[in-house]
Protein backbone atom coordinates (compact mmCIF):
# COMPACT_ATOMS: atom_id res chain seq x y z
CA MET A 1 -18.58 211.04 96.29
CA ARG A 2 -16.45 213.36 94.18
CA ASP A 3 -16.76 210.99 91.20
CA PHE A 4 -20.53 211.29 91.36
CA HIS A 5 -21.13 214.85 92.59
CA CYS A 6 -22.49 216.92 89.72
CA CYS A 7 -25.82 218.40 88.71
CA ALA A 8 -26.56 215.61 86.22
CA THR A 9 -26.70 213.06 89.09
CA CYS A 10 -28.94 215.19 91.32
CA GLN A 11 -32.62 214.46 91.82
CA HIS A 12 -33.43 218.13 91.09
CA PHE A 13 -31.67 218.21 87.69
CA ARG A 14 -33.98 218.67 84.72
CA SER A 15 -33.35 218.82 81.00
CA ILE A 16 -35.63 220.03 78.25
CA LYS A 17 -35.02 219.55 74.54
CA LEU A 18 -35.63 222.78 72.65
CA GLU A 19 -35.52 223.48 68.92
CA ASN A 20 -32.13 225.17 69.30
CA GLY A 21 -30.57 222.69 71.76
CA MET A 22 -30.94 221.50 75.32
CA LYS A 23 -31.86 223.51 78.42
CA TYR A 24 -30.62 222.27 81.79
CA PHE A 25 -31.91 223.64 85.09
CA CYS A 26 -32.32 222.91 88.77
CA SER A 27 -35.98 222.43 89.67
CA ARG A 28 -35.25 223.21 93.33
CA LEU A 29 -33.29 226.42 92.85
CA GLY A 30 -34.85 227.49 89.57
CA TYR A 31 -31.42 228.24 88.05
CA ASP A 32 -30.06 227.27 84.67
CA THR A 33 -27.17 224.88 85.13
CA LYS A 34 -24.94 222.47 83.22
CA PRO A 35 -24.62 218.70 83.81
CA SER A 36 -21.05 219.04 85.13
CA TYR A 37 -21.70 221.91 87.57
CA GLN A 38 -21.55 221.26 91.31
CA PHE A 39 -23.51 222.91 94.12
CA ASN A 40 -23.61 222.25 97.88
CA CYS A 41 -27.33 221.47 97.76
CA TRP A 42 -26.67 218.28 95.75
CA LYS A 43 -29.02 215.38 96.54
CA PRO A 44 -28.11 212.29 94.50
CA THR A 45 -30.75 210.15 92.79
CA GLU A 46 -31.44 206.69 94.24
CA ILE A 47 -29.46 205.03 91.45
CA VAL A 48 -26.43 207.21 92.20
CA LYS A 49 -26.75 206.47 95.94
CA LYS A 50 -26.60 202.75 95.16
CA LEU A 51 -23.57 203.24 92.91
CA MET A 52 -21.82 205.21 95.66
CA GLU A 53 -22.57 202.47 98.20
CA HIS A 54 -21.24 199.85 95.81
CA GLU A 55 -18.03 201.84 95.26
CA GLU A 56 -17.59 202.31 99.01
CA LYS A 57 -17.87 198.55 99.61
CA LYS A 58 -15.12 197.91 97.04
CA LYS A 59 -12.61 199.96 99.09
């Protein structure tokens, strides 16, 4: 899980392209964030769940 746990892989992560760059935020918490940040409320997307299952089977 630690290889996958970050805001960018969470179902609540949102990004918006602005004129002066990108804005990243958590739609659940309403906070600005960065793709590499980690919070305890992390809920992985379905694709990430499948990747984690695949990695677990390889062990």
